[in-house]
Amino acid sequence: MEIWHNPRCSKSRATLALLQEHGVEPTVRRYLDDPPSRAELEVVLTELGTEDPLTLTRTGESAFREQGLKGADRDTLLDALAADPTLIERPLVRSGDRAVLGRPPENVLPLLGR
C-alpha cells in the first residue's frame, strides 16, 4: 500500500494515522518531492475508476486559476498535474489495482477490507 502524502496537510496526516491504526505501514510517497509522471497519473485515474483528471485536481488552488485550467481538456489537465504536483488532490492511497482519495480519511477503509 502506498500513500501520496503531504505532511503539512491535516487530511493527509489523518489518513496516514488511520492506516497505521489499522496495522498498515504504507509506503509514504511525498509526492511534492517525488512527483508522479503523466503516465503514473493515467494509471492512478484507472485505479480510481475514472478518466477525468479533475478527480485528482485541487481546483481551489491559486495555481489552478493562475494557469487558466478551468474548462481545460484532459491532456492539458494531466500535463498540468505532472508539471505542478501542488495541483494533485491529497492524500491518495493506492493498493493493488485500486486507489482512493482520503477525503475524508475513512474513504480508505474499503482498501483495508473494512
PDB file of N, CA and C in Angstrom:
ATOM      1  N   MET A   1       0.857  -1.171   0.000  1.00  0.00           N
ATOM      2  CA  MET A   1       0.000   0.000   0.000  1.00  0.00           C
ATOM      3  C   MET A   1       0.901   1.232   0.000  1.00  0.00           C
ATOM      4  N   GLU A   2       0.441   2.243  -0.723  1.00  0.00           N
ATOM      5  CA  GLU A   2       1.209   3.480  -0.850  1.00  0.00           C
ATOM      6  C   GLU A   2       0.284   4.665  -0.617  1.00  0.00           C
ATOM      7  N   ILE A   3       0.807   5.670   0.065  1.00  0.00           N
ATOM      8  CA  ILE A   3       0.063   6.908   0.255  1.00  0.00           C
ATOM      9  C   ILE A   3       0.872   8.044  -0.361  1.00  0.00           C
ATOM     10  N   TRP A   4       0.195   8.834  -1.195  1.00  0.00           N
ATOM     11  CA  TRP A   4       0.792  10.076  -1.685  1.00  0.00           C
ATOM     12  C   TRP A   4       0.480  11.102  -0.615  1.00  0.00           C
ATOM     13  N   HIS A   5       1.502  11.523   0.076  1.00  0.00           N
ATOM     14  CA  HIS A   5       1.365  12.223   1.345  1.00  0.00           C
ATOM     15  C   HIS A   5       1.993  13.600   1.301  1.00  0.00           C
ATOM     16  N   ASN A   6       1.302  14.537   1.940  1.00  0.00           N
ATOM     17  CA  ASN A   6       1.851  15.861   2.209  1.00  0.00           C
ATOM     18  C   ASN A   6       1.739  16.062   3.714  1.00  0.00           C
ATOM     19  N   PRO A   7       2.850  16.017   4.437  1.00  0.00           N
ATOM     20  CA  PRO A   7       2.791  16.105   5.899  1.00  0.00           C
ATOM     21  C   PRO A   7       2.223  17.425   6.418  1.00  0.00           C
ATOM     22  N   ARG A   8       2.139  18.445   5.584  1.00  0.00           N
ATOM     23  CA  ARG A   8       1.568  19.728   6.014  1.00  0.00           C
ATOM     24  C   ARG A   8       0.038  19.721   5.945  1.00  0.00           C
ATOM     25  N   CYS A   9      -0.536  18.688   5.330  1.00  0.00           N
ATOM     26  CA  CYS A   9      -1.989  18.609   5.138  1.00  0.00           C
ATOM     27  C   CYS A   9      -2.628  17.779   6.255  1.00  0.00           C
ATOM     28  N   SER A  10      -3.604  18.348   6.940  1.00  0.00           N
ATOM     29  CA  SER A  10      -4.244  17.648   8.056  1.00  0.00           C
ATOM     30  C   SER A  10      -4.971  16.385   7.583  1.00  0.00           C
ATOM     31  N   LYS A  11      -5.605  16.421   6.427  1.00  0.00           N
ATOM     32  CA  LYS A  11      -6.305  15.226   5.909  1.00  0.00           C
ATOM     33  C   LYS A  11      -5.298  14.132   5.578  1.00  0.00           C
ATOM     34  N   SER A  12      -4.165  14.525   5.044  1.00  0.00           N
ATOM     35  CA  SER A  12      -3.131  13.556   4.719  1.00  0.00           C
ATOM     36  C   SER A  12      -2.577  12.917   5.993  1.00  0.00           C
ATOM     37  N   ARG A  13      -2.312  13.731   6.997  1.00  0.00           N
ATOM     38  CA  ARG A  13      -1.830  13.198   8.288  1.00  0.00           C
ATOM     39  C   ARG A  13      -2.871  12.276   8.916  1.00  0.00           C
ATOM     40  N   ALA A  14      -4.138  12.675   8.858  1.00  0.00           N
ATOM     41  CA  ALA A  14      -5.208  11.865   9.453  1.00  0.00           C
ATOM     42  C   ALA A  14      -5.366  10.535   8.714  1.00  0.00           C
ATOM     43  N   THR A  15      -5.220  10.560   7.405  1.00  0.00           N
ATOM     44  CA  THR A  15      -5.340   9.323   6.627  1.00  0.00           C
ATOM     45  C   THR A  15      -4.187   8.384   6.943  1.00  0.00           C
ATOM     46  N   LEU A  16      -2.982   8.915   7.014  1.00  0.00           N
ATOM     47  CA  LEU A  16      -1.830   8.091   7.374  1.00  0.00           C
ATOM     48  C   LEU A  16      -2.020   7.493   8.765  1.00  0.00           C
ATOM     49  N   ALA A  17      -2.488   8.290   9.704  1.00  0.00           N
ATOM     50  CA  ALA A  17      -2.727   7.798  11.067  1.00  0.00           C
ATOM     51  C   ALA A  17      -3.795   6.703  11.066  1.00  0.00           C
ATOM     52  N   LEU A  18      -4.837   6.872  10.281  1.00  0.00           N
ATOM     53  CA  LEU A  18      -5.903   5.864  10.209  1.00  0.00           C
ATOM     54  C   LEU A  18      -5.355   4.545   9.674  1.00  0.00           C
ATOM     55  N   LEU A  19      -4.549   4.614   8.638  1.00  0.00           N
ATOM     56  CA  LEU A  19      -3.938   3.390   8.111  1.00  0.00           C
ATOM     57  C   LEU A  19      -3.089   2.713   9.185  1.00  0.00           C
ATOM     58  N   GLN A  20      -2.288   3.498   9.877  1.00  0.00           N
ATOM     59  CA  GLN A  20      -1.420   2.949  10.918  1.00  0.00           C
ATOM     60  C   GLN A  20      -2.232   2.362  12.072  1.00  0.00           C
ATOM     61  N   GLU A  21      -3.345   3.012  12.419  1.00  0.00           N
ATOM     62  CA  GLU A  21      -4.223   2.473  13.467  1.00  0.00           C
ATOM     63  C   GLU A  21      -4.787   1.110  13.092  1.00  0.00           C
ATOM     64  N   HIS A  22      -4.882   0.857  11.793  1.00  0.00           N
ATOM     65  CA  HIS A  22      -5.386  -0.428  11.316  1.00  0.00           C
ATOM     66  C   HIS A  22      -4.253  -1.394  10.975  1.00  0.00           C
ATOM     67  N   GLY A  23      -3.058  -1.093  11.480  1.00  0.00           N
ATOM     68  CA  GLY A  23      -1.930  -2.001  11.335  1.00  0.00           C
ATOM     69  C   GLY A  23      -1.230  -1.948   9.992  1.00  0.00           C
ATOM     70  N   VAL A  24      -1.483  -0.918   9.210  1.00  0.00           N
ATOM     71  CA  VAL A  24      -0.857  -0.787   7.898  1.00  0.00           C
ATOM     72  C   VAL A  24       0.241   0.265   7.974  1.00  0.00           C
ATOM     73  N   GLU A  25       1.425  -0.115   7.538  1.00  0.00           N
ATOM     74  CA  GLU A  25       2.527   0.835   7.406  1.00  0.00           C
ATOM     75  C   GLU A  25       2.773   1.013   5.908  1.00  0.00           C
ATOM     76  N   PRO A  26       2.075   1.955   5.308  1.00  0.00           N
ATOM     77  CA  PRO A  26       2.201   2.118   3.862  1.00  0.00           C
ATOM     78  C   PRO A  26       3.552   2.725   3.464  1.00  0.00           C
ATOM     79  N   THR A  27       3.890   2.533   2.227  1.00  0.00           N
ATOM     80  CA  THR A  27       4.997   3.273   1.647  1.00  0.00           C
ATOM     81  C   THR A  27       4.526   4.718   1.540  1.00  0.00           C
ATOM     82  N   VAL A  28       5.298   5.626   2.097  1.00  0.00           N
ATOM     83  CA  VAL A  28       4.925   7.043   2.085  1.00  0.00           C
ATOM     84  C   VAL A  28       5.678   7.728   0.959  1.00  0.00           C
ATOM     85  N   ARG A  29       4.906   8.245   0.028  1.00  0.00           N
ATOM     86  CA  ARG A  29       5.497   8.989  -1.081  1.00  0.00           C
ATOM     87  C   ARG A  29       5.163  10.456  -0.897  1.00  0.00           C
ATOM     88  N   ARG A  30       6.169  11.235  -0.655  1.00  0.00           N
ATOM     89  CA  ARG A  30       5.984  12.685  -0.562  1.00  0.00           C
ATOM     90  C   ARG A  30       5.938  13.209  -1.996  1.00  0.00           C
ATOM     91  N   TYR A  31       4.733  13.215  -2.525  1.00  0.00           N
ATOM     92  CA  TYR A  31       4.554  13.460  -3.950  1.00  0.00           C
ATOM     93  C   TYR A  31       4.981  14.869  -4.381  1.00  0.00           C
ATOM     94  N   LEU A  32       5.080  15.807  -3.446  1.00  0.00           N
ATOM     95  CA  LEU A  32       5.579  17.134  -3.816  1.00  0.00           C
ATOM     96  C   LEU A  32       7.082  17.082  -4.089  1.00  0.00           C
ATOM     97  N   ASP A  33       7.794  16.176  -3.391  1.00  0.00           N
ATOM     98  CA  ASP A  33       9.226  15.998  -3.589  1.00  0.00           C
ATOM     99  C   ASP A  33       9.531  14.969  -4.679  1.00  0.00           C
ATOM    100  N   ASP A  34       8.607  14.044  -4.879  1.00  0.00           N
ATOM    101  CA  ASP A  34       8.752  12.954  -5.850  1.00  0.00           C
ATOM    102  C   ASP A  34       7.478  12.900  -6.691  1.00  0.00           C
ATOM    103  N   PRO A  35       7.293  13.887  -7.570  1.00  0.00           N
ATOM    104  CA  PRO A  35       6.037  13.989  -8.303  1.00  0.00           C
ATOM    105  C   PRO A  35       5.832  12.835  -9.280  1.00  0.00           C
ATOM    106  N   PRO A  36       4.578  12.437  -9.437  1.00  0.00           N
ATOM    107  CA  PRO A  36       4.271  11.371 -10.397  1.00  0.00           C
ATOM    108  C   PRO A  36       4.386  11.876 -11.830  1.00  0.00           C
ATOM    109  N   SER A  37       4.724  10.968 -12.701  1.00  0.00           N
ATOM    110  CA  SER A  37       4.773  11.292 -14.121  1.00  0.00           C
ATOM    111  C   SER A  37       3.342  11.311 -14.676  1.00  0.00           C
ATOM    112  N   ARG A  38       3.218  11.817 -15.861  1.00  0.00           N
ATOM    113  CA  ARG A  38       1.914  11.800 -16.522  1.00  0.00           C
ATOM    114  C   ARG A  38       1.427  10.356 -16.675  1.00  0.00           C
ATOM    115  N   ALA A  39       2.336   9.443 -17.019  1.00  0.00           N
ATOM    116  CA  ALA A  39       1.963   8.026 -17.170  1.00  0.00           C
ATOM    117  C   ALA A  39       1.433   7.464 -15.855  1.00  0.00           C
ATOM    118  N   GLU A  40       2.066   7.814 -14.741  1.00  0.00           N
ATOM    119  CA  GLU A  40       1.574   7.367 -13.428  1.00  0.00           C
ATOM    120  C   GLU A  40       0.188   7.928 -13.139  1.00  0.00           C
ATOM    121  N   LEU A  41      -0.018   9.181 -13.496  1.00  0.00           N
ATOM    122  CA  LEU A  41      -1.324   9.796 -13.280  1.00  0.00           C
ATOM    123  C   LEU A  41      -2.404   9.070 -14.083  1.00  0.00           C
ATOM    124  N   GLU A  42      -2.081   8.658 -15.278  1.00  0.00           N
ATOM    125  CA  GLU A  42      -3.022   7.890 -16.102  1.00  0.00           C
ATOM    126  C   GLU A  42      -3.386   6.576 -15.399  1.00  0.00           C
ATOM    127  N   VAL A  43      -2.385   5.902 -14.846  1.00  0.00           N
ATOM    128  CA  VAL A  43      -2.631   4.642 -14.127  1.00  0.00           C
ATOM    129  C   VAL A  43      -3.508   4.898 -12.909  1.00  0.00           C
ATOM    130  N   VAL A  44      -3.213   5.946 -12.169  1.00  0.00           N
ATOM    131  CA  VAL A  44      -3.986   6.267 -10.967  1.00  0.00           C
ATOM    132  C   VAL A  44      -5.441   6.564 -11.328  1.00  0.00           C
ATOM    133  N   LEU A  45      -5.670   7.252 -12.413  1.00  0.00           N
ATOM    134  CA  LEU A  45      -7.056   7.502 -12.823  1.00  0.00           C
ATOM    135  C   LEU A  45      -7.784   6.185 -13.066  1.00  0.00           C
ATOM    136  N   THR A  46      -7.122   5.246 -13.718  1.00  0.00           N
ATOM    137  CA  THR A  46      -7.723   3.916 -13.924  1.00  0.00           C
ATOM    138  C   THR A  46      -7.999   3.256 -12.580  1.00  0.00           C
ATOM    139  N   GLU A  47      -7.048   3.337 -11.662  1.00  0.00           N
ATOM    140  CA  GLU A  47      -7.230   2.739 -10.332  1.00  0.00           C
ATOM    141  C   GLU A  47      -8.388   3.395  -9.578  1.00  0.00           C
ATOM    142  N   LEU A  48      -8.593   4.679  -9.816  1.00  0.00           N
ATOM    143  CA  LEU A  48      -9.713   5.401  -9.196  1.00  0.00           C
ATOM    144  C   LEU A  48     -11.046   5.089  -9.880  1.00  0.00           C
ATOM    145  N   GLY A  49     -10.966   4.470 -11.057  1.00  0.00           N
ATOM    146  CA  GLY A  49     -12.183   4.133 -11.789  1.00  0.00           C
ATOM    147  C   GLY A  49     -12.768   5.301 -12.558  1.00  0.00           C
ATOM    148  N   THR A  50     -11.896   6.202 -13.017  1.00  0.00           N
ATOM    149  CA  THR A  50     -12.355   7.376 -13.752  1.00  0.00           C
ATOM    150  C   THR A  50     -11.364   7.716 -14.854  1.00  0.00           C
ATOM    151  N   GLU A  51     -11.811   8.458 -15.806  1.00  0.00           N
ATOM    152  CA  GLU A  51     -10.949   9.002 -16.851  1.00  0.00           C
ATOM    153  C   GLU A  51     -10.725  10.497 -16.645  1.00  0.00           C
ATOM    154  N   ASP A  52     -11.453  11.086 -15.706  1.00  0.00           N
ATOM    155  CA  ASP A  52     -11.488  12.533 -15.541  1.00  0.00           C
ATOM    156  C   ASP A  52     -10.401  13.018 -14.587  1.00  0.00           C
ATOM    157  N   PRO A  53      -9.392  13.725 -15.094  1.00  0.00           N
ATOM    158  CA  PRO A  53      -8.322  14.205 -14.215  1.00  0.00           C
ATOM    159  C   PRO A  53      -8.779  15.248 -13.197  1.00  0.00           C
ATOM    160  N   LEU A  54      -9.965  15.813 -13.383  1.00  0.00           N
ATOM    161  CA  LEU A  54     -10.467  16.742 -12.354  1.00  0.00           C
ATOM    162  C   LEU A  54     -10.641  16.034 -11.016  1.00  0.00           C
ATOM    163  N   THR A  55     -10.848  14.719 -11.058  1.00  0.00           N
ATOM    164  CA  THR A  55     -10.968  13.924  -9.830  1.00  0.00           C
ATOM    165  C   THR A  55      -9.725  14.081  -8.963  1.00  0.00           C
ATOM    166  N   LEU A  56      -8.587  14.244  -9.603  1.00  0.00           N
ATOM    167  CA  LEU A  56      -7.297  14.358  -8.907  1.00  0.00           C
ATOM    168  C   LEU A  56      -6.836  15.796  -8.719  1.00  0.00           C
ATOM    169  N   THR A  57      -7.646  16.744  -9.120  1.00  0.00           N
ATOM    170  CA  THR A  57      -7.192  18.122  -9.192  1.00  0.00           C
ATOM    171  C   THR A  57      -7.744  18.984  -8.069  1.00  0.00           C
ATOM    172  N   ARG A  58      -6.856  19.726  -7.452  1.00  0.00           N
ATOM    173  CA  ARG A  58      -7.241  20.688  -6.427  1.00  0.00           C
ATOM    174  C   ARG A  58      -7.667  21.978  -7.130  1.00  0.00           C
ATOM    175  N   THR A  59      -8.937  22.040  -7.468  1.00  0.00           N
ATOM    176  CA  THR A  59      -9.444  23.157  -8.256  1.00  0.00           C
ATOM    177  C   THR A  59      -9.500  24.466  -7.469  1.00  0.00           C
ATOM    178  N   GLY A  60      -9.387  24.394  -6.152  1.00  0.00           N
ATOM    179  CA  GLY A  60      -9.408  25.599  -5.333  1.00  0.00           C
ATOM    180  C   GLY A  60      -8.045  26.253  -5.174  1.00  0.00           C
ATOM    181  N   GLU A  61      -7.014  25.606  -5.670  1.00  0.00           N
ATOM    182  CA  GLU A  61      -5.656  26.156  -5.559  1.00  0.00           C
ATOM    183  C   GLU A  61      -5.499  27.381  -6.451  1.00  0.00           C
ATOM    184  N   SER A  62      -4.740  28.346  -5.977  1.00  0.00           N
ATOM    185  CA  SER A  62      -4.489  29.535  -6.794  1.00  0.00           C
ATOM    186  C   SER A  62      -3.777  29.158  -8.092  1.00  0.00           C
ATOM    187  N   ALA A  63      -2.934  28.136  -8.052  1.00  0.00           N
ATOM    188  CA  ALA A  63      -2.231  27.705  -9.268  1.00  0.00           C
ATOM    189  C   ALA A  63      -3.217  27.236 -10.333  1.00  0.00           C
ATOM    190  N   PHE A  64      -4.332  26.654  -9.917  1.00  0.00           N
ATOM    191  CA  PHE A  64      -5.363  26.216 -10.869  1.00  0.00           C
ATOM    192  C   PHE A  64      -5.914  27.420 -11.628  1.00  0.00           C
ATOM    193  N   ARG A  65      -6.214  28.466 -10.878  1.00  0.00           N
ATOM    194  CA  ARG A  65      -6.739  29.692 -11.506  1.00  0.00           C
ATOM    195  C   ARG A  65      -5.660  30.393 -12.326  1.00  0.00           C
ATOM    196  N   GLU A  66      -4.472  30.513 -11.752  1.00  0.00           N
ATOM    197  CA  GLU A  66      -3.380  31.223 -12.425  1.00  0.00           C
ATOM    198  C   GLU A  66      -2.984  30.572 -13.745  1.00  0.00           C
ATOM    199  N   GLN A  67      -3.121  29.239 -13.809  1.00  0.00           N
ATOM    200  CA  GLN A  67      -2.768  28.522 -15.032  1.00  0.00           C
ATOM    201  C   GLN A  67      -3.945  28.440 -16.011  1.00  0.00           C
ATOM    202  N   GLY A  68      -5.082  29.024 -15.617  1.00  0.00           N
ATOM    203  CA  GLY A  68      -6.243  29.040 -16.502  1.00  0.00           C
ATOM    204  C   GLY A  68      -6.771  27.655 -16.819  1.00  0.00           C
ATOM    205  N   LEU A  69      -6.833  26.793 -15.812  1.00  0.00           N
ATOM    206  CA  LEU A  69      -7.200  25.398 -16.041  1.00  0.00           C
ATOM    207  C   LEU A  69      -8.705  25.123 -16.003  1.00  0.00           C
ATOM    208  N   LYS A  70      -9.491  26.093 -15.578  1.00  0.00           N
ATOM    209  CA  LYS A  70     -10.936  25.879 -15.574  1.00  0.00           C
ATOM    210  C   LYS A  70     -11.400  25.641 -17.008  1.00  0.00           C
ATOM    211  N   GLY A  71     -12.068  24.519 -17.223  1.00  0.00           N
ATOM    212  CA  GLY A  71     -12.553  24.171 -18.550  1.00  0.00           C
ATOM    213  C   GLY A  71     -11.495  23.562 -19.459  1.00  0.00           C
ATOM    214  N   ALA A  72     -10.295  23.306 -18.917  1.00  0.00           N
ATOM    215  CA  ALA A  72      -9.216  22.732 -19.722  1.00  0.00           C
ATOM    216  C   ALA A  72      -9.549  21.296 -20.126  1.00  0.00           C
ATOM    217  N   ASP A  73      -8.992  20.873 -21.245  1.00  0.00           N
ATOM    218  CA  ASP A  73      -9.223  19.498 -21.690  1.00  0.00           C
ATOM    219  C   ASP A  73      -8.362  18.529 -20.883  1.00  0.00           C
ATOM    220  N   ARG A  74      -8.631  17.250 -21.080  1.00  0.00           N
ATOM    221  CA  ARG A  74      -7.981  16.187 -20.316  1.00  0.00           C
ATOM    222  C   ARG A  74      -6.454  16.253 -20.431  1.00  0.00           C
ATOM    223  N   ASP A  75      -5.944  16.386 -21.643  1.00  0.00           N
ATOM    224  CA  ASP A  75      -4.496  16.410 -21.839  1.00  0.00           C
ATOM    225  C   ASP A  75      -3.851  17.589 -21.128  1.00  0.00           C
ATOM    226  N   THR A  76      -4.477  18.733 -21.212  1.00  0.00           N
ATOM    227  CA  THR A  76      -3.937  19.930 -20.552  1.00  0.00           C
ATOM    228  C   THR A  76      -3.905  19.737 -19.043  1.00  0.00           C
ATOM    229  N   LEU A  77      -4.971  19.166 -18.485  1.00  0.00           N
ATOM    230  CA  LEU A  77      -5.009  18.924 -17.042  1.00  0.00           C
ATOM    231  C   LEU A  77      -3.936  17.932 -16.613  1.00  0.00           C
ATOM    232  N   LEU A  78      -3.795  16.840 -17.345  1.00  0.00           N
ATOM    233  CA  LEU A  78      -2.777  15.851 -16.984  1.00  0.00           C
ATOM    234  C   LEU A  78      -1.377  16.445 -17.073  1.00  0.00           C
ATOM    235  N   ASP A  79      -1.121  17.235 -18.105  1.00  0.00           N
ATOM    236  CA  ASP A  79       0.181  17.890 -18.217  1.00  0.00           C
ATOM    237  C   ASP A  79       0.412  18.830 -17.034  1.00  0.00           C
ATOM    238  N   ALA A  80      -0.628  19.557 -16.641  1.00  0.00           N
ATOM    239  CA  ALA A  80      -0.506  20.488 -15.514  1.00  0.00           C
ATOM    240  C   ALA A  80      -0.250  19.754 -14.206  1.00  0.00           C
ATOM    241  N   LEU A  81      -0.942  18.642 -13.974  1.00  0.00           N
ATOM    242  CA  LEU A  81      -0.741  17.861 -12.754  1.00  0.00           C
ATOM    243  C   LEU A  81       0.679  17.301 -12.693  1.00  0.00           C
ATOM    244  N   ALA A  82       1.177  16.841 -13.827  1.00  0.00           N
ATOM    245  CA  ALA A  82       2.539  16.290 -13.861  1.00  0.00           C
ATOM    246  C   ALA A  82       3.581  17.390 -13.648  1.00  0.00           C
ATOM    247  N   ALA A  83       3.311  18.580 -14.155  1.00  0.00           N
ATOM    248  CA  ALA A  83       4.264  19.682 -14.042  1.00  0.00           C
ATOM    249  C   ALA A  83       4.223  20.381 -12.689  1.00  0.00           C
ATOM    250  N   ASP A  84       3.053  20.365 -12.051  1.00  0.00           N
ATOM    251  CA  ASP A  84       2.861  21.095 -10.792  1.00  0.00           C
ATOM    252  C   ASP A  84       2.109  20.215  -9.798  1.00  0.00           C
ATOM    253  N   PRO A  85       2.826  19.404  -9.018  1.00  0.00           N
ATOM    254  CA  PRO A  85       2.157  18.464  -8.117  1.00  0.00           C
ATOM    255  C   PRO A  85       1.336  19.125  -7.008  1.00  0.00           C
ATOM    256  N   THR A  86       1.494  20.435  -6.804  1.00  0.00           N
ATOM    257  CA  THR A  86       0.634  21.096  -5.805  1.00  0.00           C
ATOM    258  C   THR A  86      -0.829  21.038  -6.236  1.00  0.00           C
ATOM    259  N   LEU A  87      -1.075  20.764  -7.507  1.00  0.00           N
ATOM    260  CA  LEU A  87      -2.446  20.670  -8.022  1.00  0.00           C
ATOM    261  C   LEU A  87      -3.085  19.308  -7.758  1.00  0.00           C
ATOM    262  N   ILE A  88      -2.293  18.337  -7.296  1.00  0.00           N
ATOM    263  CA  ILE A  88      -2.808  16.982  -7.078  1.00  0.00           C
ATOM    264  C   ILE A  88      -3.518  16.906  -5.734  1.00  0.00           C
ATOM    265  N   GLU A  89      -4.731  16.382  -5.769  1.00  0.00           N
ATOM    266  CA  GLU A  89      -5.521  16.198  -4.547  1.00  0.00           C
ATOM    267  C   GLU A  89      -4.812  15.200  -3.642  1.00  0.00           C
ATOM    268  N   ARG A  90      -4.911  15.445  -2.364  1.00  0.00           N
ATOM    269  CA  ARG A  90      -4.264  14.578  -1.381  1.00  0.00           C
ATOM    270  C   ARG A  90      -5.208  14.260  -0.244  1.00  0.00           C
ATOM    271  N   PRO A  91      -4.932  13.216   0.451  1.00  0.00           N
ATOM    272  CA  PRO A  91      -3.989  12.152   0.139  1.00  0.00           C
ATOM    273  C   PRO A  91      -4.606  11.161  -0.835  1.00  0.00           C
ATOM    274  N   LEU A  92      -3.752  10.466  -1.520  1.00  0.00           N
ATOM    275  CA  LEU A  92      -4.168   9.402  -2.421  1.00  0.00           C
ATOM    276  C   LEU A  92      -3.563   8.118  -1.885  1.00  0.00           C
ATOM    277  N   VAL A  93      -4.388   7.092  -1.754  1.00  0.00           N
ATOM    278  CA  VAL A  93      -3.895   5.805  -1.264  1.00  0.00           C
ATOM    279  C   VAL A  93      -4.114   4.771  -2.357  1.00  0.00           C
ATOM    280  N   ARG A  94      -3.049   4.031  -2.652  1.00  0.00           N
ATOM    281  CA  ARG A  94      -3.074   3.005  -3.698  1.00  0.00           C
ATOM    282  C   ARG A  94      -2.816   1.648  -3.064  1.00  0.00           C
ATOM    283  N   SER A  95      -3.569   0.671  -3.547  1.00  0.00           N
ATOM    284  CA  SER A  95      -3.378  -0.706  -3.086  1.00  0.00           C
ATOM    285  C   SER A  95      -3.750  -1.642  -4.221  1.00  0.00           C
ATOM    286  N   GLY A  96      -2.774  -2.421  -4.673  1.00  0.00           N
ATOM    287  CA  GLY A  96      -3.043  -3.302  -5.804  1.00  0.00           C
ATOM    288  C   GLY A  96      -3.423  -2.486  -7.025  1.00  0.00           C
ATOM    289  N   ASP A  97      -4.587  -2.812  -7.592  1.00  0.00           N
ATOM    290  CA  ASP A  97      -5.044  -2.087  -8.778  1.00  0.00           C
ATOM    291  C   ASP A  97      -6.150  -1.097  -8.459  1.00  0.00           C
ATOM    292  N   ARG A  98      -6.218  -0.687  -7.183  1.00  0.00           N
ATOM    293  CA  ARG A  98      -7.240   0.282  -6.766  1.00  0.00           C
ATOM    294  C   ARG A  98      -6.588   1.462  -6.069  1.00  0.00           C
ATOM    295  N   ALA A  99      -7.302   2.572  -6.121  1.00  0.00           N
ATOM    296  CA  ALA A  99      -6.847   3.779  -5.418  1.00  0.00           C
ATOM    297  C   ALA A  99      -8.072   4.532  -4.935  1.00  0.00           C
ATOM    298  N   VAL A 100      -7.890   5.282  -3.853  1.00  0.00           N
ATOM    299  CA  VAL A 100      -8.948   6.156  -3.342  1.00  0.00           C
ATOM    300  C   VAL A 100      -8.307   7.432  -2.822  1.00  0.00           C
ATOM    301  N   LEU A 101      -9.092   8.486  -2.826  1.00  0.00           N
ATOM    302  CA  LEU A 101      -8.682   9.734  -2.206  1.00  0.00           C
ATOM    303  C   LEU A 101      -9.138   9.714  -0.761  1.00  0.00           C
ATOM    304  N   GLY A 102      -8.262  10.089   0.137  1.00  0.00           N
ATOM    305  CA  GLY A 102      -8.564  10.080   1.568  1.00  0.00           C
ATOM    306  C   GLY A 102      -9.249  11.342   2.033  1.00  0.00           C
ATOM    307  N   ARG A 103     -10.287  11.750   1.368  1.00  0.00           N
ATOM    308  CA  ARG A 103     -11.099  12.911   1.740  1.00  0.00           C
ATOM    309  C   ARG A 103     -12.540  12.466   1.749  1.00  0.00           C
ATOM    310  N   PRO A 104     -13.080  12.129   2.880  1.00  0.00           N
ATOM    311  CA  PRO A 104     -12.480  12.095   4.211  1.00  0.00           C
ATOM    312  C   PRO A 104     -11.573  10.872   4.377  1.00  0.00           C
ATOM    313  N   PRO A 105     -10.766  10.852   5.431  1.00  0.00           N
ATOM    314  CA  PRO A 105      -9.843   9.736   5.639  1.00  0.00           C
ATOM    315  C   PRO A 105     -10.515   8.361   5.616  1.00  0.00           C
ATOM    316  N   GLU A 106     -11.751   8.278   6.062  1.00  0.00           N
ATOM    317  CA  GLU A 106     -12.453   6.996   6.118  1.00  0.00           C
ATOM    318  C   GLU A 106     -12.661   6.390   4.731  1.00  0.00           C
ATOM    319  N   ASN A 107     -12.486   7.164   3.679  1.00  0.00           N
ATOM    320  CA  ASN A 107     -12.609   6.631   2.318  1.00  0.00           C
ATOM    321  C   ASN A 107     -11.627   5.499   2.053  1.00  0.00           C
ATOM    322  N   VAL A 108     -10.532   5.433   2.828  1.00  0.00           N
ATOM    323  CA  VAL A 108      -9.529   4.400   2.582  1.00  0.00           C
ATOM    324  C   VAL A 108      -9.906   3.051   3.187  1.00  0.00           C
ATOM    325  N   LEU A 109     -10.893   3.014   4.066  1.00  0.00           N
ATOM    326  CA  LEU A 109     -11.233   1.769   4.749  1.00  0.00           C
ATOM    327  C   LEU A 109     -11.592   0.627   3.808  1.00  0.00           C
ATOM    328  N   PRO A 110     -12.308   0.851   2.693  1.00  0.00           N
ATOM    329  CA  PRO A 110     -12.570  -0.260   1.795  1.00  0.00           C
ATOM    330  C   PRO A 110     -11.300  -0.918   1.240  1.00  0.00           C
ATOM    331  N   LEU A 111     -10.211  -0.170   1.107  1.00  0.00           N
ATOM    332  CA  LEU A 111      -8.963  -0.767   0.667  1.00  0.00           C
ATOM    333  C   LEU A 111      -8.415  -1.744   1.700  1.00  0.00           C
ATOM    334  N   LEU A 112      -8.852  -1.573   2.936  1.00  0.00           N
ATOM    335  CA  LEU A 112      -8.399  -2.429   4.030  1.00  0.00           C
ATOM    336  C   LEU A 112      -9.349  -3.600   4.267  1.00  0.00           C
ATOM    337  N   GLY A 113     -10.390  -3.669   3.445  1.00  0.00           N
ATOM    338  CA  GLY A 113     -11.391  -4.715   3.641  1.00  0.00           C
ATOM    339  C   GLY A 113     -12.348  -4.413   4.766  1.00  0.00           C
ATOM    340  N   ARG A 114     -12.505  -3.122   5.089  1.00  0.00           N
ATOM    341  CA  ARG A 114     -13.395  -2.716   6.185  1.00  0.00           C
ATOM    342  C   ARG A 114     -14.487  -1.826   5.658  1.00  0.00           C
TER     343      ARG A 114
END
